[in-house]
Amino acid sequence: MIVVAGILRLTPEGLAAVREVARATVTTTNAEAGCIVYAFAEDIREPGLIRIYEEWESREALDAHGKAAHMTVWRDALKTVEVKELQLKLVETASVEPFA
């Protein structure tokens, strides 16, 4: 399994400007083959801060996701606003088990 986690920091106005594209990106991505979960969550303590969390069945599925048309739309939307910070980390794991 591949896990991608990180943050996207925009101005509150920038987030408002791309919110609908972000919603469509999340919805479309969750329907992709190999996507286990893809989520954006706005941090209530810091307007404009989005926490990103993804789980993928394989590196190939993640690579295909990066080439998808809706990801081009998302990247283009981000070019229209000030991106203050974008940090993503990828973790590849051999096994996953319930914690509790």
Protein backbone atom coordinates (compact mmCIF):
# COMPACT_ATOMS: atom_id res chain seq x y z
CA MET A 1 0.00 0.00 0.00
CA ILE A 2 1.08 3.56 -0.74
CA VAL A 3 0.16 6.36 1.68
CA VAL A 4 0.56 10.01 0.72
CA ALA A 5 0.04 12.65 3.40
CA GLY A 6 0.76 16.32 3.52
CA ILE A 7 -0.46 19.88 3.59
CA LEU A 8 -1.55 22.48 1.11
CA ARG A 9 -1.58 26.03 2.45
CA LEU A 10 -3.55 28.68 0.55
CA THR A 11 -4.96 32.02 1.55
CA PRO A 12 -8.58 31.70 2.74
CA GLU A 13 -9.61 33.58 -0.43
CA GLY A 14 -7.56 31.23 -2.58
CA LEU A 15 -9.18 28.21 -0.98
CA ALA A 16 -12.62 29.68 -1.61
CA ALA A 17 -11.68 30.21 -5.27
CA VAL A 18 -10.66 26.56 -5.82
CA ARG A 19 -13.05 24.82 -3.43
CA GLU A 20 -15.38 23.46 -6.13
CA VAL A 21 -12.49 22.13 -8.22
CA ALA A 22 -11.05 20.55 -5.06
CA ARG A 23 -14.40 18.89 -4.31
CA ALA A 24 -14.60 17.52 -7.87
CA THR A 25 -10.99 16.31 -7.66
CA VAL A 26 -11.68 14.37 -4.46
CA THR A 27 -14.88 12.84 -5.82
CA THR A 28 -13.32 11.81 -9.13
CA THR A 29 -10.13 10.50 -7.54
CA ASN A 30 -12.03 8.29 -5.09
CA ALA A 31 -13.63 6.57 -8.11
CA GLU A 32 -10.24 5.76 -9.69
CA ALA A 33 -9.01 2.18 -9.92
CA GLY A 34 -6.54 1.51 -7.13
CA CYS A 35 -7.65 4.40 -4.92
CA ILE A 36 -8.50 3.28 -1.41
CA VAL A 37 -9.07 6.77 0.01
CA TYR A 38 -8.35 10.31 -1.14
CA ALA A 39 -9.31 13.14 1.16
CA PHE A 40 -8.78 16.84 1.76
CA ALA A 41 -9.63 18.25 5.20
CA GLU A 42 -9.57 21.93 6.09
CA ASP A 43 -7.87 22.59 9.41
CA ILE A 44 -10.41 24.46 11.57
CA ARG A 45 -7.60 26.12 13.51
CA GLU A 46 -6.00 27.64 10.43
CA PRO A 47 -8.17 28.89 7.55
CA GLY A 48 -6.67 27.99 4.18
CA LEU A 49 -4.72 24.98 5.47
CA ILE A 50 -5.74 21.71 3.81
CA ARG A 51 -4.55 18.37 5.14
CA ILE A 52 -4.18 15.82 2.36
CA TYR A 53 -4.46 12.08 2.93
CA GLU A 54 -4.33 9.35 0.28
CA GLU A 55 -4.13 5.54 0.24
CA TRP A 56 -3.35 3.66 -2.97
CA GLU A 57 -3.21 -0.06 -3.77
CA SER A 58 0.03 0.35 -5.74
CA ARG A 59 2.62 2.74 -7.10
CA GLU A 60 1.15 2.14 -10.58
CA ALA A 61 -2.28 3.33 -9.43
CA LEU A 62 -0.73 6.45 -7.91
CA ASP A 63 1.25 7.12 -11.10
CA ALA A 64 -1.91 6.78 -13.22
CA HIS A 65 -3.68 9.19 -10.87
CA GLY A 66 -1.01 11.81 -11.46
CA LYS A 67 -1.65 11.58 -15.21
CA ALA A 68 -5.45 11.77 -14.97
CA ALA A 69 -7.26 14.65 -16.68
CA HIS A 70 -8.89 15.82 -13.44
CA MET A 71 -5.44 16.22 -11.89
CA THR A 72 -4.47 18.57 -14.73
CA VAL A 73 -7.60 20.60 -13.96
CA TRP A 74 -6.63 20.65 -10.25
CA ARG A 75 -3.04 21.72 -10.98
CA ASP A 76 -4.30 24.43 -13.34
CA ALA A 77 -6.70 25.71 -10.65
CA LEU A 78 -3.84 25.95 -8.17
CA LYS A 79 -1.92 28.13 -10.65
CA THR A 80 -4.66 30.78 -10.31
CA VAL A 81 -4.15 31.29 -6.57
CA GLU A 82 -1.25 31.85 -4.19
CA VAL A 83 0.07 28.52 -2.95
CA LYS A 84 1.86 29.40 0.28
CA GLU A 85 3.04 25.85 0.94
CA LEU A 86 2.73 22.37 -0.48
CA GLN A 87 4.35 19.41 1.26
CA LEU A 88 3.62 15.79 0.45
CA LYS A 89 5.22 12.66 1.89
CA LEU A 90 4.93 9.18 0.42
CA VAL A 91 5.13 6.05 2.55
CA GLU A 92 5.26 2.61 0.99
CA THR A 93 4.28 -0.19 3.34
CA ALA A 94 4.39 -3.95 3.01
CA SER A 95 1.50 -4.62 5.39
CA VAL A 96 -1.38 -2.88 7.11
CA GLU A 97 -3.32 -4.21 10.09
CA PRO A 98 -6.06 -2.82 12.36
CA PHE A 99 -4.65 -0.90 15.32
CA ALA A 100 -7.57 -1.16 17.68
